[in-house]
PDB file of N, CA and C in Angstrom:
ATOM      1  N   MET A   1       0.316  -0.978  -0.177  1.00  0.00           N
ATOM      2  CA  MET A   1       0.256   0.253  -0.289  1.00  0.00           C
ATOM      3  C   MET A   1       0.948   1.355  -0.656  1.00  0.00           C
ATOM      4  N   ALA A   2       0.772   2.056  -0.427  1.00  0.00           N
ATOM      5  CA  ALA A   2       1.129   3.416  -0.438  1.00  0.00           C
ATOM      6  C   ALA A   2       1.362   4.305   0.006  1.00  0.00           C
ATOM      7  N   ALA A   3       1.887   5.093   0.577  1.00  0.00           N
ATOM      8  CA  ALA A   3       1.763   5.877   1.670  1.00  0.00           C
ATOM      9  C   ALA A   3       1.644   7.602   1.257  1.00  0.00           C
ATOM     10  N   VAL A   4       0.181   8.118   1.970  1.00  0.00           N
ATOM     11  CA  VAL A   4      -0.290   8.931   1.086  1.00  0.00           C
ATOM     12  C   VAL A   4      -0.011  10.434   2.406  1.00  0.00           C
ATOM     13  N   GLU A   5       0.566  10.440   1.946  1.00  0.00           N
ATOM     14  CA  GLU A   5       1.125  11.964   1.645  1.00  0.00           C
ATOM     15  C   GLU A   5      -0.028  13.238   2.486  1.00  0.00           C
ATOM     16  N   PHE A   6      -0.079  13.999   3.527  1.00  0.00           N
ATOM     17  CA  PHE A   6      -0.558  15.031   3.947  1.00  0.00           C
ATOM     18  C   PHE A   6      -0.658  16.038   4.289  1.00  0.00           C
ATOM     19  N   LYS A   7      -1.052  16.945   3.438  1.00  0.00           N
ATOM     20  CA  LYS A   7      -0.806  18.564   2.857  1.00  0.00           C
ATOM     21  C   LYS A   7      -1.342  19.657   4.395  1.00  0.00           C
ATOM     22  N   VAL A   8      -0.706  19.760   4.934  1.00  0.00           N
ATOM     23  CA  VAL A   8      -1.001  20.668   5.804  1.00  0.00           C
ATOM     24  C   VAL A   8      -2.000  22.126   5.723  1.00  0.00           C
ATOM     25  N   PRO A   9      -3.174  22.740   5.729  1.00  0.00           N
ATOM     26  CA  PRO A   9      -3.205  23.740   4.628  1.00  0.00           C
ATOM     27  C   PRO A   9      -2.548  24.618   5.635  1.00  0.00           C
ATOM     28  N   THR A  10      -2.166  25.973   4.879  1.00  0.00           N
ATOM     29  CA  THR A  10      -1.835  27.076   5.588  1.00  0.00           C
ATOM     30  C   THR A  10      -2.444  27.880   6.575  1.00  0.00           C
ATOM     31  N   TRP A  11      -2.931  27.631   7.114  1.00  0.00           N
ATOM     32  CA  TRP A  11      -4.105  28.728   7.657  1.00  0.00           C
ATOM     33  C   TRP A  11      -3.828  28.135   9.157  1.00  0.00           C
ATOM     34  N   VAL A  12      -3.135  26.713   8.854  1.00  0.00           N
ATOM     35  CA  VAL A  12      -2.903  25.620  10.242  1.00  0.00           C
ATOM     36  C   VAL A  12      -2.058  26.117  10.132  1.00  0.00           C
ATOM     37  N   GLU A  13      -0.527  26.096   9.412  1.00  0.00           N
ATOM     38  CA  GLU A  13       0.348  26.138   9.747  1.00  0.00           C
ATOM     39  C   GLU A  13       0.516  27.828  10.366  1.00  0.00           C
ATOM     40  N   LYS A  14      -0.195  28.522   9.345  1.00  0.00           N
ATOM     41  CA  LYS A  14      -0.010  30.358  10.130  1.00  0.00           C
ATOM     42  C   LYS A  14      -0.181  29.889  11.382  1.00  0.00           C
ATOM     43  N   ARG A  15      -1.060  29.152  12.326  1.00  0.00           N
ATOM     44  CA  ARG A  15      -2.001  29.994  13.576  1.00  0.00           C
ATOM     45  C   ARG A  15      -0.432  28.577  14.247  1.00  0.00           C
ATOM     46  N   TYR A  16      -0.074  27.368  13.934  1.00  0.00           N
ATOM     47  CA  TYR A  16       0.601  26.932  14.901  1.00  0.00           C
ATOM     48  C   TYR A  16       2.150  27.922  14.421  1.00  0.00           C
ATOM     49  N   SER A  17       2.217  29.122  13.800  1.00  0.00           N
ATOM     50  CA  SER A  17       3.799  29.564  13.745  1.00  0.00           C
ATOM     51  C   SER A  17       3.263  30.846  14.561  1.00  0.00           C
ATOM     52  N   LEU A  18       1.887  31.325  15.194  1.00  0.00           N
ATOM     53  CA  LEU A  18       1.777  32.680  15.730  1.00  0.00           C
ATOM     54  C   LEU A  18       1.461  31.634  17.501  1.00  0.00           C
ATOM     55  N   LEU A  19       1.139  30.653  17.080  1.00  0.00           N
ATOM     56  CA  LEU A  19       0.929  30.168  19.156  1.00  0.00           C
ATOM     57  C   LEU A  19       2.363  29.629  19.155  1.00  0.00           C
ATOM     58  N   TRP A  20       3.477  29.039  18.744  1.00  0.00           N
ATOM     59  CA  TRP A  20       5.126  28.833  18.452  1.00  0.00           C
ATOM     60  C   TRP A  20       5.410  30.313  19.330  1.00  0.00           C
ATOM     61  N   ASP A  21       5.518  31.473  18.203  1.00  0.00           N
ATOM     62  CA  ASP A  21       6.122  32.709  18.718  1.00  0.00           C
ATOM     63  C   ASP A  21       5.805  33.230  19.601  1.00  0.00           C
ATOM     64  N   SER A  22       4.356  32.871  20.333  1.00  0.00           N
ATOM     65  CA  SER A  22       4.065  32.797  21.718  1.00  0.00           C
ATOM     66  C   SER A  22       5.192  32.866  22.744  1.00  0.00           C
ATOM     67  N   PHE A  23       4.797  31.084  22.862  1.00  0.00           N
ATOM     68  CA  PHE A  23       4.673  29.839  23.598  1.00  0.00           C
ATOM     69  C   PHE A  23       5.976  29.208  23.132  1.00  0.00           C
ATOM     70  N   SER A  24       6.045  29.181  22.721  1.00  0.00           N
ATOM     71  CA  SER A  24       7.322  27.643  22.045  1.00  0.00           C
ATOM     72  C   SER A  24       6.673  26.439  22.538  1.00  0.00           C
ATOM     73  N   ASP A  25       7.637  26.198  23.982  1.00  0.00           N
ATOM     74  CA  ASP A  25       7.007  24.209  23.941  1.00  0.00           C
ATOM     75  C   ASP A  25       6.645  25.020  25.063  1.00  0.00           C
ATOM     76  N   SER A  26       6.455  25.727  25.970  1.00  0.00           N
ATOM     77  CA  SER A  26       5.915  26.036  27.454  1.00  0.00           C
ATOM     78  C   SER A  26       3.969  25.931  26.679  1.00  0.00           C
ATOM     79  N   GLU A  27       3.405  25.567  28.149  1.00  0.00           N
ATOM     80  CA  GLU A  27       2.657  24.889  28.341  1.00  0.00           C
ATOM     81  C   GLU A  27       1.602  26.215  28.322  1.00  0.00           C
ATOM     82  N   PHE A  28      -0.262  25.849  27.833  1.00  0.00           N
ATOM     83  CA  PHE A  28      -1.029  27.129  27.208  1.00  0.00           C
ATOM     84  C   PHE A  28      -1.875  27.054  27.648  1.00  0.00           C
ATOM     85  N   ASN A  29      -3.310  27.119  28.508  1.00  0.00           N
ATOM     86  CA  ASN A  29      -4.665  26.973  28.000  1.00  0.00           C
ATOM     87  C   ASN A  29      -5.102  27.087  27.493  1.00  0.00           C
ATOM     88  N   ILE A  30      -6.640  27.592  26.674  1.00  0.00           N
ATOM     89  CA  ILE A  30      -7.413  27.774  25.676  1.00  0.00           C
ATOM     90  C   ILE A  30      -7.199  29.297  25.421  1.00  0.00           C
ATOM     91  N   GLU A  31      -7.662  29.833  26.546  1.00  0.00           N
ATOM     92  CA  GLU A  31      -7.718  31.244  26.783  1.00  0.00           C
ATOM     93  C   GLU A  31      -6.434  31.609  26.492  1.00  0.00           C
ATOM     94  N   GLN A  32      -4.897  31.783  26.826  1.00  0.00           N
ATOM     95  CA  GLN A  32      -4.486  31.988  26.310  1.00  0.00           C
ATOM     96  C   GLN A  32      -4.253  31.911  25.052  1.00  0.00           C
ATOM     97  N   ALA A  33      -4.270  30.714  24.958  1.00  0.00           N
ATOM     98  CA  ALA A  33      -4.423  30.472  22.550  1.00  0.00           C
ATOM     99  C   ALA A  33      -4.891  31.243  22.353  1.00  0.00           C
ATOM    100  N   ALA A  34      -6.501  31.624  22.525  1.00  0.00           N
ATOM    101  CA  ALA A  34      -7.346  32.214  21.914  1.00  0.00           C
ATOM    102  C   ALA A  34      -6.803  33.785  22.174  1.00  0.00           C
ATOM    103  N   LYS A  35      -6.898  34.734  23.652  1.00  0.00           N
ATOM    104  CA  LYS A  35      -5.682  35.657  23.473  1.00  0.00           C
ATOM    105  C   LYS A  35      -4.586  36.209  22.303  1.00  0.00           C
ATOM    106  N   ILE A  36      -3.855  35.307  21.555  1.00  0.00           N
ATOM    107  CA  ILE A  36      -2.634  35.449  21.051  1.00  0.00           C
ATOM    108  C   ILE A  36      -3.733  35.999  19.488  1.00  0.00           C
ATOM    109  N   LEU A  37      -4.332  34.157  19.541  1.00  0.00           N
ATOM    110  CA  LEU A  37      -5.165  34.181  17.608  1.00  0.00           C
ATOM    111  C   LEU A  37      -5.662  35.680  17.711  1.00  0.00           C
ATOM    112  N   GLU A  38      -6.238  35.314  18.337  1.00  0.00           N
ATOM    113  CA  GLU A  38      -7.650  36.910  18.499  1.00  0.00           C
ATOM    114  C   GLU A  38      -6.764  38.533  18.214  1.00  0.00           C
ATOM    115  N   GLU A  39      -5.235  38.226  19.078  1.00  0.00           N
ATOM    116  CA  GLU A  39      -5.144  39.515  19.378  1.00  0.00           C
ATOM    117  C   GLU A  39      -4.254  40.411  17.604  1.00  0.00           C
ATOM    118  N   LYS A  40      -3.228  39.055  17.435  1.00  0.00           N
ATOM    119  CA  LYS A  40      -3.149  38.866  15.879  1.00  0.00           C
ATOM    120  C   LYS A  40      -2.739  38.293  14.656  1.00  0.00           C
ATOM    121  N   ASN A  41      -4.160  37.527  14.430  1.00  0.00           N
ATOM    122  CA  ASN A  41      -4.703  36.987  13.205  1.00  0.00           C
ATOM    123  C   ASN A  41      -6.524  37.178  12.970  1.00  0.00           C
ATOM    124  N   LYS A  42      -7.168  38.291  14.630  1.00  0.00           N
ATOM    125  CA  LYS A  42      -8.343  38.996  14.115  1.00  0.00           C
ATOM    126  C   LYS A  42      -9.517  37.026  14.184  1.00  0.00           C
ATOM    127  N   ASP A  43      -8.410  36.140  14.716  1.00  0.00           N
ATOM    128  CA  ASP A  43      -9.743  35.177  14.818  1.00  0.00           C
ATOM    129  C   ASP A  43     -11.369  35.445  15.854  1.00  0.00           C
ATOM    130  N   LYS A  44     -12.182  34.333  15.893  1.00  0.00           N
ATOM    131  CA  LYS A  44     -12.680  34.671  16.584  1.00  0.00           C
ATOM    132  C   LYS A  44     -12.691  33.881  18.124  1.00  0.00           C
ATOM    133  N   ARG A  45     -12.954  33.900  18.482  1.00  0.00           N
ATOM    134  CA  ARG A  45     -13.552  32.906  19.979  1.00  0.00           C
ATOM    135  C   ARG A  45     -13.691  31.432  19.298  1.00  0.00           C
ATOM    136  N   GLU A  46     -14.929  31.881  19.190  1.00  0.00           N
ATOM    137  CA  GLU A  46     -15.468  30.666  19.200  1.00  0.00           C
ATOM    138  C   GLU A  46     -15.107  29.770  18.040  1.00  0.00           C
ATOM    139  N   GLU A  47     -14.103  29.772  17.084  1.00  0.00           N
ATOM    140  CA  GLU A  47     -12.949  29.619  16.335  1.00  0.00           C
ATOM    141  C   GLU A  47     -12.363  28.446  16.580  1.00  0.00           C
ATOM    142  N   ILE A  48     -11.315  28.831  18.097  1.00  0.00           N
ATOM    143  CA  ILE A  48     -10.177  28.308  18.336  1.00  0.00           C
ATOM    144  C   ILE A  48     -10.114  27.122  18.960  1.00  0.00           C
ATOM    145  N   PRO A  49     -10.481  26.483  19.641  1.00  0.00           N
ATOM    146  CA  PRO A  49     -10.951  24.808  19.428  1.00  0.00           C
ATOM    147  C   PRO A  49     -11.017  24.573  18.188  1.00  0.00           C
ATOM    148  N   VAL A  50     -11.099  24.785  17.762  1.00  0.00           N
ATOM    149  CA  VAL A  50     -11.061  24.238  15.896  1.00  0.00           C
ATOM    150  C   VAL A  50      -9.949  24.472  15.649  1.00  0.00           C
ATOM    151  N   TYR A  51      -9.194  25.007  15.262  1.00  0.00           N
ATOM    152  CA  TYR A  51      -7.337  25.414  15.329  1.00  0.00           C
ATOM    153  C   TYR A  51      -6.614  24.541  16.099  1.00  0.00           C
ATOM    154  N   LEU A  52      -6.541  24.838  17.395  1.00  0.00           N
ATOM    155  CA  LEU A  52      -6.201  24.243  18.445  1.00  0.00           C
ATOM    156  C   LEU A  52      -6.542  22.394  17.612  1.00  0.00           C
ATOM    157  N   SER A  53      -7.367  21.765  17.538  1.00  0.00           N
ATOM    158  CA  SER A  53      -7.498  20.643  17.200  1.00  0.00           C
ATOM    159  C   SER A  53      -6.681  20.352  15.624  1.00  0.00           C
ATOM    160  N   GLU A  54      -6.664  21.076  14.645  1.00  0.00           N
ATOM    161  CA  GLU A  54      -6.791  20.716  13.790  1.00  0.00           C
ATOM    162  C   GLU A  54      -4.928  20.493  13.597  1.00  0.00           C
ATOM    163  N   ILE A  55      -4.724  21.784  14.710  1.00  0.00           N
ATOM    164  CA  ILE A  55      -3.115  21.720  14.835  1.00  0.00           C
ATOM    165  C   ILE A  55      -2.590  20.539  15.430  1.00  0.00           C
ATOM    166  N   ARG A  56      -3.271  19.811  16.601  1.00  0.00           N
ATOM    167  CA  ARG A  56      -3.224  18.812  17.426  1.00  0.00           C
ATOM    168  C   ARG A  56      -3.229  17.975  16.066  1.00  0.00           C
ATOM    169  N   LYS A  57      -4.325  17.247  15.200  1.00  0.00           N
ATOM    170  CA  LYS A  57      -4.078  16.105  14.063  1.00  0.00           C
ATOM    171  C   LYS A  57      -3.380  16.313  13.509  1.00  0.00           C
ATOM    172  N   ALA A  58      -2.746  17.649  13.249  1.00  0.00           N
ATOM    173  CA  ALA A  58      -1.143  17.648  12.386  1.00  0.00           C
ATOM    174  C   ALA A  58       0.282  17.239  13.149  1.00  0.00           C
ATOM    175  N   GLY A  59       0.013  16.900  13.905  1.00  0.00           N
ATOM    176  CA  GLY A  59       0.659  16.237  15.007  1.00  0.00           C
ATOM    177  C   GLY A  59       1.937  17.969  15.818  1.00  0.00           C
ATOM    178  N   TRP A  60       1.742  18.671  15.528  1.00  0.00           N
ATOM    179  CA  TRP A  60       2.431  19.893  15.765  1.00  0.00           C
ATOM    180  C   TRP A  60       1.861  19.513  17.564  1.00  0.00           C
ATOM    181  N   LEU A  61       0.763  19.422  17.827  1.00  0.00           N
ATOM    182  CA  LEU A  61       0.540  19.873  19.425  1.00  0.00           C
ATOM    183  C   LEU A  61       0.347  18.736  20.764  1.00  0.00           C
ATOM    184  N   THR A  62      -0.023  18.643  22.111  1.00  0.00           N
ATOM    185  CA  THR A  62       0.065  17.891  22.989  1.00  0.00           C
ATOM    186  C   THR A  62      -1.185  18.036  23.410  1.00  0.00           C
ATOM    187  N   ASP A  63      -2.172  17.798  24.503  1.00  0.00           N
ATOM    188  CA  ASP A  63      -3.018  18.260  25.198  1.00  0.00           C
ATOM    189  C   ASP A  63      -2.842  17.254  26.333  1.00  0.00           C
ATOM    190  N   GLU A  64      -2.952  17.346  27.287  1.00  0.00           N
ATOM    191  CA  GLU A  64      -3.731  17.105  28.603  1.00  0.00           C
ATOM    192  C   GLU A  64      -4.945  17.230  29.751  1.00  0.00           C
ATOM    193  N   PRO A  65      -5.520  16.974  30.204  1.00  0.00           N
ATOM    194  CA  PRO A  65      -6.112  16.745  31.327  1.00  0.00           C
ATOM    195  C   PRO A  65      -5.259  18.042  32.104  1.00  0.00           C
ATOM    196  N   ASP A  66      -6.336  19.252  32.363  1.00  0.00           N
ATOM    197  CA  ASP A  66      -5.940  20.393  33.014  1.00  0.00           C
ATOM    198  C   ASP A  66      -5.619  19.465  34.975  1.00  0.00           C
ATOM    199  N   PRO A  67      -4.841  19.972  35.575  1.00  0.00           N
ATOM    200  CA  PRO A  67      -5.085  18.815  36.581  1.00  0.00           C
ATOM    201  C   PRO A  67      -5.716  20.018  37.979  1.00  0.00           C
ATOM    202  N   SER A  68      -5.944  20.880  37.453  1.00  0.00           N
ATOM    203  CA  SER A  68      -6.330  21.887  38.512  1.00  0.00           C
ATOM    204  C   SER A  68      -8.051  21.431  38.337  1.00  0.00           C
ATOM    205  N   ASP A  69      -8.556  21.368  36.587  1.00  0.00           N
ATOM    206  CA  ASP A  69     -10.241  21.544  36.128  1.00  0.00           C
ATOM    207  C   ASP A  69      -9.732  20.701  35.376  1.00  0.00           C
ATOM    208  N   ALA A  70     -10.279  19.213  35.441  1.00  0.00           N
ATOM    209  CA  ALA A  70      -9.981  18.244  34.593  1.00  0.00           C
ATOM    210  C   ALA A  70     -10.723  18.159  32.975  1.00  0.00           C
ATOM    211  N   ARG A  71     -11.947  19.352  33.570  1.00  0.00           N
ATOM    212  CA  ARG A  71     -12.630  19.694  31.927  1.00  0.00           C
ATOM    213  C   ARG A  71     -12.498  20.753  30.723  1.00  0.00           C
ATOM    214  N   LYS A  72     -11.126  20.877  31.860  1.00  0.00           N
ATOM    215  CA  LYS A  72     -10.254  21.846  30.524  1.00  0.00           C
ATOM    216  C   LYS A  72      -8.950  21.104  30.474  1.00  0.00           C
ATOM    217  N   ARG A  73      -8.171  21.551  29.412  1.00  0.00           N
ATOM    218  CA  ARG A  73      -6.981  21.046  28.604  1.00  0.00           C
ATOM    219  C   ARG A  73      -5.813  21.893  28.922  1.00  0.00           C
ATOM    220  N   ILE A  74      -4.611  21.564  29.077  1.00  0.00           N
ATOM    221  CA  ILE A  74      -3.474  21.824  28.811  1.00  0.00           C
ATOM    222  C   ILE A  74      -2.954  22.149  27.732  1.00  0.00           C
ATOM    223  N   TYR A  75      -2.088  22.506  26.737  1.00  0.00           N
ATOM    224  CA  TYR A  75      -1.611  22.356  25.672  1.00  0.00           C
ATOM    225  C   TYR A  75       0.460  22.422  25.581  1.00  0.00           C
ATOM    226  N   LYS A  76       0.150  22.585  24.729  1.00  0.00           N
ATOM    227  CA  LYS A  76       1.997  22.106  24.627  1.00  0.00           C
ATOM    228  C   LYS A  76       2.290  21.473  23.477  1.00  0.00           C
ATOM    229  N   LEU A  77       2.941  23.158  22.425  1.00  0.00           N
ATOM    230  CA  LEU A  77       3.109  22.993  20.744  1.00  0.00           C
ATOM    231  C   LEU A  77       4.668  22.008  20.692  1.00  0.00           C
ATOM    232  N   LYS A  78       4.416  20.740  19.789  1.00  0.00           N
ATOM    233  CA  LYS A  78       5.730  20.668  19.887  1.00  0.00           C
ATOM    234  C   LYS A  78       7.168  21.132  19.133  1.00  0.00           C
ATOM    235  N   GLU A  79       7.868  20.735  18.816  1.00  0.00           N
ATOM    236  CA  GLU A  79       8.922  21.382  18.619  1.00  0.00           C
ATOM    237  C   GLU A  79       9.174  21.772  17.069  1.00  0.00           C
ATOM    238  N   GLU A  80       9.182  23.253  17.301  1.00  0.00           N
ATOM    239  CA  GLU A  80       9.150  23.973  16.292  1.00  0.00           C
ATOM    240  C   GLU A  80       9.504  23.100  14.476  1.00  0.00           C
ATOM    241  N   ILE A  81       9.007  23.315  13.613  1.00  0.00           N
ATOM    242  CA  ILE A  81       8.724  22.150  12.606  1.00  0.00           C
ATOM    243  C   ILE A  81       9.143  23.188  11.656  1.00  0.00           C
ATOM    244  N   GLN A  82       9.332  22.322  10.095  1.00  0.00           N
ATOM    245  CA  GLN A  82       9.760  23.438   8.961  1.00  0.00           C
ATOM    246  C   GLN A  82       7.869  23.505   8.325  1.00  0.00           C
ATOM    247  N   LEU A  83       8.060  25.066   8.009  1.00  0.00           N
ATOM    248  CA  LEU A  83       6.616  25.370   7.812  1.00  0.00           C
ATOM    249  C   LEU A  83       6.683  25.146   6.087  1.00  0.00           C
ATOM    250  N   ALA A  84       5.787  25.597   5.441  1.00  0.00           N
ATOM    251  CA  ALA A  84       5.284  25.816   3.691  1.00  0.00           C
ATOM    252  C   ALA A  84       5.349  27.419   3.562  1.00  0.00           C
ATOM    253  N   ILE A  85       5.196  28.760   4.848  1.00  0.00           N
ATOM    254  CA  ILE A  85       4.761  29.585   5.056  1.00  0.00           C
ATOM    255  C   ILE A  85       6.335  30.313   4.084  1.00  0.00           C
TER     256      ILE A  85
END
């Protein structure tokens, strides 16, 4: 079976890059990500979970339950990757 190459959309790469510039390999929550993406890219707050989900699907983001509130997540970007931007 042939390997399928997955092309990450440019809009996902752009948001990863904005978050990397702000957090590098530090942990952050959705509120912190929303603040960055709203300020720097004029993204709407309700779209932020979709962006984080797509970045995670691309393999560039990990998440785990927040120790202080299991309903929330703590995110961490994986080491900077080569982007096509």
